[in-house]
Amino acid sequence: MNLAGLQKTSLIDYPGMVSCVVFLTGCNFTCPFCHNDELARGEWPSRISLDQFIEFLTPRRGLLDGVVISGGEPTLHPHLADLCRAVRRLDLRIKLDTNGSRPDVLARLLDERLVDYVAMDIKTPIESYHPVLVQRDITAHLRRSIELIMHASPDYEFRTTCVRPFVDEHRILDMARTIQGARRYILQPFRPQKMLQPDFFETIDPVVSPAEIHHFRELSSPLVEHCLIRTDHD
């Protein structure tokens, strides 16, 4: 198994933990606003073997609390569970970033207790993913992943990048209702410096103002336990 990238230290990707972030390449979504465009296209910014990664981790067990597995979409990879088991053997916590499209994989990881924290992106109302974000209707898969995360994950968050036209006050309310009762819902601003399909936004200003995001938080807060705004510095 090869990893496509490694961020050696992060204070923000795993809430409350000092972590490193590993990236797996390839994604089954084509979100125009994706900031990991190389990974979304299945490219390899770097190639790090699993053995090399474990060699990196082993002497840092006292410095790192956990490992974040991100992408791309990690659940596409057949050896994801092997990666989790290798990290588990070092007694480190594991956070998984996912788009929620493969609930069967997620269920196996949770059944084996191979992840401690799941972060699932809610891009827009889940009935609206097809055809812009994904080539087939996966609404049932997304609903199943939400159910699994809320009932079986030790800790979790749902998160939405606030980017037009995928988010407005009506869509935010729809998304918050879909995860009603969730422990944590994160709203984060869109950063336009990198994106998968910049041409998509030629006639659209995708940036949502901080004031609007605070308004979205006010709308969502009654529906979830905690609704937070996350910036790059949180």
C-alpha atoms as a PDB file:
ATOM      1  CA  MET A   1       0.000   0.000   0.000  1.00  0.00           C
ATOM      2  CA  ASN A   2       1.255   3.463  -0.905  1.00  0.00           C
ATOM      3  CA  LEU A   3       0.221   6.756   0.667  1.00  0.00           C
ATOM      4  CA  ALA A   4       0.021   9.843  -1.547  1.00  0.00           C
ATOM      5  CA  GLY A   5       1.102  12.392   1.037  1.00  0.00           C
ATOM      6  CA  LEU A   6       1.970  13.068   4.648  1.00  0.00           C
ATOM      7  CA  GLN A   7       1.520  16.141   6.821  1.00  0.00           C
ATOM      8  CA  LYS A   8       3.828  15.415   9.712  1.00  0.00           C
ATOM      9  CA  THR A   9       2.099  17.510  12.371  1.00  0.00           C
ATOM     10  CA  SER A  10      -1.339  19.052  12.718  1.00  0.00           C
ATOM     11  CA  LEU A  11      -3.042  20.743  15.639  1.00  0.00           C
ATOM     12  CA  ILE A  12      -6.390  21.256  13.882  1.00  0.00           C
ATOM     13  CA  ASP A  13      -7.295  18.132  11.895  1.00  0.00           C
ATOM     14  CA  TYR A  14      -8.090  15.909  14.877  1.00  0.00           C
ATOM     15  CA  PRO A  15      -9.964  17.936  17.513  1.00  0.00           C
ATOM     16  CA  GLY A  16      -8.101  18.018  20.794  1.00  0.00           C
ATOM     17  CA  MET A  17      -5.227  15.903  19.477  1.00  0.00           C
ATOM     18  CA  VAL A  18      -1.781  16.373  18.051  1.00  0.00           C
ATOM     19  CA  SER A  19      -1.863  14.332  14.868  1.00  0.00           C
ATOM     20  CA  CYS A  20      -0.295  13.665  11.545  1.00  0.00           C
ATOM     21  CA  VAL A  21      -2.358  13.475   8.371  1.00  0.00           C
ATOM     22  CA  VAL A  22      -1.914  10.839   5.665  1.00  0.00           C
ATOM     23  CA  PHE A  23      -3.538  11.210   2.269  1.00  0.00           C
ATOM     24  CA  LEU A  24      -4.862   8.504  -0.024  1.00  0.00           C
ATOM     25  CA  THR A  25      -5.402   9.293  -3.680  1.00  0.00           C
ATOM     26  CA  GLY A  26      -8.526   8.932  -5.796  1.00  0.00           C
ATOM     27  CA  CYS A  27     -12.123  10.014  -5.273  1.00  0.00           C
ATOM     28  CA  ASN A  28     -15.516   8.963  -6.611  1.00  0.00           C
ATOM     29  CA  PHE A  29     -16.845  12.530  -6.334  1.00  0.00           C
ATOM     30  CA  THR A  30     -16.157  15.451  -8.673  1.00  0.00           C
ATOM     31  CA  CYS A  31     -16.907  18.378  -6.363  1.00  0.00           C
ATOM     32  CA  PRO A  32     -15.953  21.526  -8.312  1.00  0.00           C
ATOM     33  CA  PHE A  33     -14.747  23.246  -5.121  1.00  0.00           C
ATOM     34  CA  CYS A  34     -12.471  20.413  -3.932  1.00  0.00           C
ATOM     35  CA  HIS A  35      -9.189  21.878  -2.690  1.00  0.00           C
ATOM     36  CA  ASN A  36      -7.325  18.551  -2.901  1.00  0.00           C
ATOM     37  CA  ASP A  37      -7.610  18.560  -6.673  1.00  0.00           C
ATOM     38  CA  GLU A  38      -4.599  16.334  -7.353  1.00  0.00           C
ATOM     39  CA  LEU A  39      -5.861  13.631  -5.001  1.00  0.00           C
ATOM     40  CA  ALA A  40      -9.399  13.916  -6.355  1.00  0.00           C
ATOM     41  CA  ARG A  41      -8.007  13.180  -9.838  1.00  0.00           C
ATOM     42  CA  GLY A  42      -6.115  10.156  -8.547  1.00  0.00           C
ATOM     43  CA  GLU A  43      -2.675  11.720  -8.933  1.00  0.00           C
ATOM     44  CA  TRP A  44       0.308  10.972  -6.711  1.00  0.00           C
ATOM     45  CA  PRO A  45       1.954  14.064  -5.190  1.00  0.00           C
ATOM     46  CA  SER A  46       4.262  11.584  -3.442  1.00  0.00           C
ATOM     47  CA  ARG A  47       4.511   7.845  -2.801  1.00  0.00           C
ATOM     48  CA  ILE A  48       5.116   6.641   0.730  1.00  0.00           C
ATOM     49  CA  SER A  49       4.980   2.943   1.475  1.00  0.00           C
ATOM     50  CA  LEU A  50       3.151   1.654   4.529  1.00  0.00           C
ATOM     51  CA  ASP A  51       6.463   0.445   5.955  1.00  0.00           C
ATOM     52  CA  GLN A  52       7.965   3.915   5.536  1.00  0.00           C
ATOM     53  CA  PHE A  53       4.981   5.467   7.252  1.00  0.00           C
ATOM     54  CA  ILE A  54       5.214   3.089  10.214  1.00  0.00           C
ATOM     55  CA  GLU A  55       8.935   3.861  10.445  1.00  0.00           C
ATOM     56  CA  PHE A  56       7.982   7.544  10.667  1.00  0.00           C
ATOM     57  CA  LEU A  57       5.332   6.923  13.320  1.00  0.00           C
ATOM     58  CA  THR A  58       7.154   4.539  15.633  1.00  0.00           C
ATOM     59  CA  PRO A  59       9.565   7.014  17.292  1.00  0.00           C
ATOM     60  CA  ARG A  60       6.824   9.663  17.485  1.00  0.00           C
ATOM     61  CA  ARG A  61       4.354   7.694  19.605  1.00  0.00           C
ATOM     62  CA  GLY A  62       5.008   9.971  22.570  1.00  0.00           C
ATOM     63  CA  LEU A  63       4.620  13.121  20.482  1.00  0.00           C
ATOM     64  CA  LEU A  64       1.558  12.286  18.393  1.00  0.00           C
ATOM     65  CA  ASP A  65      -1.835  11.383  19.798  1.00  0.00           C
ATOM     66  CA  GLY A  66      -3.335  10.164  16.560  1.00  0.00           C
ATOM     67  CA  VAL A  67      -3.399   9.761  12.801  1.00  0.00           C
ATOM     68  CA  VAL A  68      -5.877  11.345  10.419  1.00  0.00           C
ATOM     69  CA  ILE A  69      -6.590   9.356   7.253  1.00  0.00           C
ATOM     70  CA  SER A  70      -7.806  11.675   4.518  1.00  0.00           C
ATOM     71  CA  GLY A  71      -7.952  11.906   0.751  1.00  0.00           C
ATOM     72  CA  GLY A  72      -9.249  11.744  -1.890  1.00  0.00           C
ATOM     73  CA  GLU A  73     -11.715   9.268  -0.479  1.00  0.00           C
ATOM     74  CA  PRO A  74     -10.024   6.732   1.821  1.00  0.00           C
ATOM     75  CA  THR A  75     -12.843   4.171   1.749  1.00  0.00           C
ATOM     76  CA  LEU A  76     -12.132   3.434  -1.924  1.00  0.00           C
ATOM     77  CA  HIS A  77      -8.860   1.742  -0.999  1.00  0.00           C
ATOM     78  CA  PRO A  78      -8.878  -2.022  -0.471  1.00  0.00           C
ATOM     79  CA  HIS A  79      -6.092  -1.900   2.121  1.00  0.00           C
ATOM     80  CA  LEU A  80      -7.561   0.847   4.308  1.00  0.00           C
ATOM     81  CA  ALA A  81      -8.243  -1.600   7.141  1.00  0.00           C
ATOM     82  CA  ASP A  82      -4.614  -2.809   6.965  1.00  0.00           C
ATOM     83  CA  LEU A  83      -3.448   0.788   7.375  1.00  0.00           C
ATOM     84  CA  CYS A  84      -5.731   1.222  10.388  1.00  0.00           C
ATOM     85  CA  ARG A  85      -4.526  -2.007  11.979  1.00  0.00           C
ATOM     86  CA  ALA A  86      -0.888  -0.981  11.528  1.00  0.00           C
ATOM     87  CA  VAL A  87      -1.565   2.343  13.244  1.00  0.00           C
ATOM     88  CA  ARG A  88      -3.565   0.600  15.989  1.00  0.00           C
ATOM     89  CA  ARG A  89      -0.578  -1.582  16.818  1.00  0.00           C
ATOM     90  CA  LEU A  90       1.256   1.615  17.781  1.00  0.00           C
ATOM     91  CA  ASP A  91      -1.559   2.512  20.188  1.00  0.00           C
ATOM     92  CA  LEU A  92      -2.465   5.696  18.314  1.00  0.00           C
ATOM     93  CA  ARG A  93      -5.966   7.036  17.770  1.00  0.00           C
ATOM     94  CA  ILE A  94      -7.401   7.117  14.246  1.00  0.00           C
ATOM     95  CA  LYS A  95      -9.624   9.714  12.640  1.00  0.00           C
ATOM     96  CA  LEU A  96     -11.162   9.009   9.235  1.00  0.00           C
ATOM     97  CA  ASP A  97     -12.260  11.718   6.782  1.00  0.00           C
ATOM     98  CA  THR A  98     -14.909  10.442   4.375  1.00  0.00           C
ATOM     99  CA  ASN A  99     -17.574  11.562   1.933  1.00  0.00           C
ATOM    100  CA  GLY A 100     -19.921   8.861   3.236  1.00  0.00           C
ATOM    101  CA  SER A 101     -20.382   7.122  -0.098  1.00  0.00           C
ATOM    102  CA  ARG A 102     -19.329   3.647   1.077  1.00  0.00           C
ATOM    103  CA  PRO A 103     -21.254   2.746   4.226  1.00  0.00           C
ATOM    104  CA  ASP A 104     -20.351  -0.967   3.976  1.00  0.00           C
ATOM    105  CA  VAL A 105     -16.657  -0.115   4.353  1.00  0.00           C
ATOM    106  CA  LEU A 106     -17.433   2.281   7.165  1.00  0.00           C
ATOM    107  CA  ALA A 107     -19.492  -0.380   8.941  1.00  0.00           C
ATOM    108  CA  ARG A 108     -16.611  -2.883   8.819  1.00  0.00           C
ATOM    109  CA  LEU A 109     -14.155  -0.355  10.231  1.00  0.00           C
ATOM    110  CA  LEU A 110     -16.537   0.513  13.060  1.00  0.00           C
ATOM    111  CA  ASP A 111     -17.324  -3.145  13.761  1.00  0.00           C
ATOM    112  CA  GLU A 112     -13.598  -3.863  14.119  1.00  0.00           C
ATOM    113  CA  ARG A 113     -13.105  -0.724  16.220  1.00  0.00           C
ATOM    114  CA  LEU A 114     -10.479   0.519  13.823  1.00  0.00           C
ATOM    115  CA  VAL A 115     -11.483   4.188  13.958  1.00  0.00           C
ATOM    116  CA  ASP A 116     -12.042   6.503  16.918  1.00  0.00           C
ATOM    117  CA  TYR A 117     -13.410   9.554  15.124  1.00  0.00           C
ATOM    118  CA  VAL A 118     -15.218   9.933  11.798  1.00  0.00           C
ATOM    119  CA  ALA A 119     -15.607  13.232   9.952  1.00  0.00           C
ATOM    120  CA  MET A 120     -18.161  13.075   7.147  1.00  0.00           C
ATOM    121  CA  ASP A 121     -18.597  15.893   4.670  1.00  0.00           C
ATOM    122  CA  ILE A 122     -22.131  16.991   3.840  1.00  0.00           C
ATOM    123  CA  LYS A 123     -21.636  18.874   0.582  1.00  0.00           C
ATOM    124  CA  THR A 124     -25.179  20.075  -0.117  1.00  0.00           C
ATOM    125  CA  PRO A 125     -28.613  18.505   0.505  1.00  0.00           C
ATOM    126  CA  ILE A 126     -27.960  14.830  -0.088  1.00  0.00           C
ATOM    127  CA  GLU A 127     -30.756  14.446  -2.639  1.00  0.00           C
ATOM    128  CA  SER A 128     -28.909  17.024  -4.804  1.00  0.00           C
ATOM    129  CA  TYR A 129     -25.499  15.322  -5.129  1.00  0.00           C
ATOM    130  CA  HIS A 130     -26.364  13.755  -8.486  1.00  0.00           C
ATOM    131  CA  PRO A 131     -25.269  14.600 -11.168  1.00  0.00           C
ATOM    132  CA  VAL A 132     -22.873  17.483 -10.343  1.00  0.00           C
ATOM    133  CA  LEU A 133     -20.968  15.889  -7.461  1.00  0.00           C
ATOM    134  CA  VAL A 134     -21.323  12.200  -8.263  1.00  0.00           C
ATOM    135  CA  GLN A 135     -22.398  10.264 -11.317  1.00  0.00           C
ATOM    136  CA  ARG A 136     -25.188   8.224  -9.723  1.00  0.00           C
ATOM    137  CA  ASP A 137     -27.790   8.676  -7.029  1.00  0.00           C
ATOM    138  CA  ILE A 138     -26.206   7.621  -3.732  1.00  0.00           C
ATOM    139  CA  THR A 139     -28.730   9.209  -1.375  1.00  0.00           C
ATOM    140  CA  ALA A 140     -29.406   5.888   0.363  1.00  0.00           C
ATOM    141  CA  HIS A 141     -25.669   5.307   0.885  1.00  0.00           C
ATOM    142  CA  LEU A 142     -25.248   8.741   2.434  1.00  0.00           C
ATOM    143  CA  ARG A 143     -28.211   8.248   4.758  1.00  0.00           C
ATOM    144  CA  ARG A 144     -26.818   4.880   5.850  1.00  0.00           C
ATOM    145  CA  SER A 145     -23.403   6.399   6.584  1.00  0.00           C
ATOM    146  CA  ILE A 146     -24.994   9.187   8.629  1.00  0.00           C
ATOM    147  CA  GLU A 147     -26.938   6.606  10.641  1.00  0.00           C
ATOM    148  CA  LEU A 148     -23.826   4.485  11.226  1.00  0.00           C
ATOM    149  CA  ILE A 149     -21.727   7.432  12.319  1.00  0.00           C
ATOM    150  CA  MET A 150     -24.337   8.783  14.730  1.00  0.00           C
ATOM    151  CA  HIS A 151     -25.002   5.393  16.331  1.00  0.00           C
ATOM    152  CA  ALA A 152     -21.705   3.511  16.122  1.00  0.00           C
ATOM    153  CA  SER A 153     -18.742   5.891  15.907  1.00  0.00           C
ATOM    154  CA  PRO A 154     -17.030   6.629  19.250  1.00  0.00           C
ATOM    155  CA  ASP A 155     -16.778  10.281  18.245  1.00  0.00           C
ATOM    156  CA  TYR A 156     -17.655  12.144  15.094  1.00  0.00           C
ATOM    157  CA  GLU A 157     -18.498  15.311  13.262  1.00  0.00           C
ATOM    158  CA  PHE A 158     -20.347  16.303  10.139  1.00  0.00           C
ATOM    159  CA  ARG A 159     -18.987  19.254   8.236  1.00  0.00           C
ATOM    160  CA  THR A 160     -19.950  21.516   5.396  1.00  0.00           C
ATOM    161  CA  THR A 161     -17.778  23.801   3.324  1.00  0.00           C
ATOM    162  CA  CYS A 162     -19.805  26.963   2.764  1.00  0.00           C
ATOM    163  CA  VAL A 163     -19.539  27.543  -0.970  1.00  0.00           C
ATOM    164  CA  ARG A 164     -22.063  28.869  -3.450  1.00  0.00           C
ATOM    165  CA  PRO A 165     -24.220  27.595  -5.152  1.00  0.00           C
ATOM    166  CA  PHE A 166     -24.146  24.447  -3.010  1.00  0.00           C
ATOM    167  CA  VAL A 167     -24.977  26.216   0.239  1.00  0.00           C
ATOM    168  CA  ASP A 168     -27.561  28.834   1.134  1.00  0.00           C
ATOM    169  CA  GLU A 169     -29.866  29.215   4.133  1.00  0.00           C
ATOM    170  CA  HIS A 170     -32.461  26.802   2.752  1.00  0.00           C
ATOM    171  CA  ARG A 171     -29.850  24.166   1.913  1.00  0.00           C
ATOM    172  CA  ILE A 172     -28.159  24.557   5.293  1.00  0.00           C
ATOM    173  CA  LEU A 173     -31.455  23.928   7.048  1.00  0.00           C
ATOM    174  CA  ASP A 174     -32.030  20.853   4.881  1.00  0.00           C
ATOM    175  CA  MET A 175     -28.580  19.497   5.767  1.00  0.00           C
ATOM    176  CA  ALA A 176     -28.993  20.217   9.475  1.00  0.00           C
ATOM    177  CA  ARG A 177     -32.342  18.421   9.486  1.00  0.00           C
ATOM    178  CA  THR A 178     -30.728  15.419   7.796  1.00  0.00           C
ATOM    179  CA  ILE A 179     -28.281  15.093  10.715  1.00  0.00           C
ATOM    180  CA  GLN A 180     -30.726  16.293  13.373  1.00  0.00           C
ATOM    181  CA  GLY A 181     -29.503  15.412  16.849  1.00  0.00           C
ATOM    182  CA  ALA A 182     -25.880  15.011  15.724  1.00  0.00           C
ATOM    183  CA  ARG A 183     -23.161  15.609  18.275  1.00  0.00           C
ATOM    184  CA  ARG A 184     -21.190  18.097  16.190  1.00  0.00           C
ATOM    185  CA  TYR A 185     -21.798  20.036  12.954  1.00  0.00           C
ATOM    186  CA  ILE A 186     -18.910  22.072  11.583  1.00  0.00           C
ATOM    187  CA  LEU A 187     -19.235  24.922   9.108  1.00  0.00           C
ATOM    188  CA  GLN A 188     -16.056  25.977   7.364  1.00  0.00           C
ATOM    189  CA  PRO A 189     -15.296  28.759   4.877  1.00  0.00           C
ATOM    190  CA  PHE A 190     -14.364  28.054   1.296  1.00  0.00           C
ATOM    191  CA  ARG A 191     -10.815  28.911   0.218  1.00  0.00           C
ATOM    192  CA  PRO A 192     -10.773  29.681  -3.526  1.00  0.00           C
ATOM    193  CA  GLN A 193      -7.008  29.376  -4.022  1.00  0.00           C
ATOM    194  CA  LYS A 194      -7.265  25.784  -5.311  1.00  0.00           C
ATOM    195  CA  MET A 195     -10.216  23.902  -6.728  1.00  0.00           C
ATOM    196  CA  LEU A 196     -10.925  20.908  -8.923  1.00  0.00           C
ATOM    197  CA  GLN A 197     -13.081  22.691 -11.525  1.00  0.00           C
ATOM    198  CA  PRO A 198     -12.411  26.453 -11.511  1.00  0.00           C
ATOM    199  CA  ASP A 199     -14.393  26.862 -14.745  1.00  0.00           C
ATOM    200  CA  PHE A 200     -17.542  25.881 -12.856  1.00  0.00           C
ATOM    201  CA  PHE A 201     -17.384  29.201 -11.010  1.00  0.00           C
ATOM    202  CA  GLU A 202     -16.786  31.481 -14.005  1.00  0.00           C
ATOM    203  CA  THR A 203     -20.188  33.136 -13.571  1.00  0.00           C
ATOM    204  CA  ILE A 204     -20.625  32.445  -9.838  1.00  0.00           C
ATOM    205  CA  ASP A 205     -18.938  34.028  -6.852  1.00  0.00           C
ATOM    206  CA  PRO A 206     -18.464  30.963  -4.635  1.00  0.00           C
ATOM    207  CA  VAL A 207     -17.299  32.765  -1.497  1.00  0.00           C
ATOM    208  CA  VAL A 208     -19.772  32.989   1.380  1.00  0.00           C
ATOM    209  CA  SER A 209     -19.135  35.887   3.740  1.00  0.00           C
ATOM    210  CA  PRO A 210     -18.311  35.372   7.437  1.00  0.00           C
ATOM    211  CA  ALA A 211     -21.590  37.085   8.343  1.00  0.00           C
ATOM    212  CA  GLU A 212     -23.538  34.579   6.247  1.00  0.00           C
ATOM    213  CA  ILE A 213     -21.713  31.652   7.818  1.00  0.00           C
ATOM    214  CA  HIS A 214     -22.602  32.958  11.278  1.00  0.00           C
ATOM    215  CA  HIS A 215     -26.212  33.161  10.103  1.00  0.00           C
ATOM    216  CA  PHE A 216     -26.004  29.536   8.925  1.00  0.00           C
ATOM    217  CA  ARG A 217     -24.733  28.603  12.377  1.00  0.00           C
ATOM    218  CA  GLU A 218     -27.695  30.317  14.022  1.00  0.00           C
ATOM    219  CA  LEU A 219     -30.080  28.385  11.764  1.00  0.00           C
ATOM    220  CA  SER A 220     -28.385  25.025  12.386  1.00  0.00           C
ATOM    221  CA  SER A 221     -27.692  25.264  16.111  1.00  0.00           C
ATOM    222  CA  PRO A 222     -31.195  24.301  17.323  1.00  0.00           C
ATOM    223  CA  LEU A 223     -31.028  21.065  15.321  1.00  0.00           C
ATOM    224  CA  VAL A 224     -27.693  19.673  16.572  1.00  0.00           C
ATOM    225  CA  GLU A 225     -25.864  19.491  19.886  1.00  0.00           C
ATOM    226  CA  HIS A 226     -23.002  21.744  18.802  1.00  0.00           C
ATOM    227  CA  CYS A 227     -22.675  23.815  15.632  1.00  0.00           C
ATOM    228  CA  LEU A 228     -19.246  25.377  15.231  1.00  0.00           C
ATOM    229  CA  ILE A 229     -17.437  27.514  12.685  1.00  0.00           C
ATOM    230  CA  ARG A 230     -13.964  26.241  11.932  1.00  0.00           C
ATOM    231  CA  THR A 231     -11.249  28.323  10.326  1.00  0.00           C
ATOM    232  CA  ASP A 232      -7.709  27.369   9.319  1.00  0.00           C
ATOM    233  CA  HIS A 233      -6.479  28.627  12.675  1.00  0.00           C
ATOM    234  CA  ASP A 234      -8.886  26.745  14.950  1.00  0.00           C
END
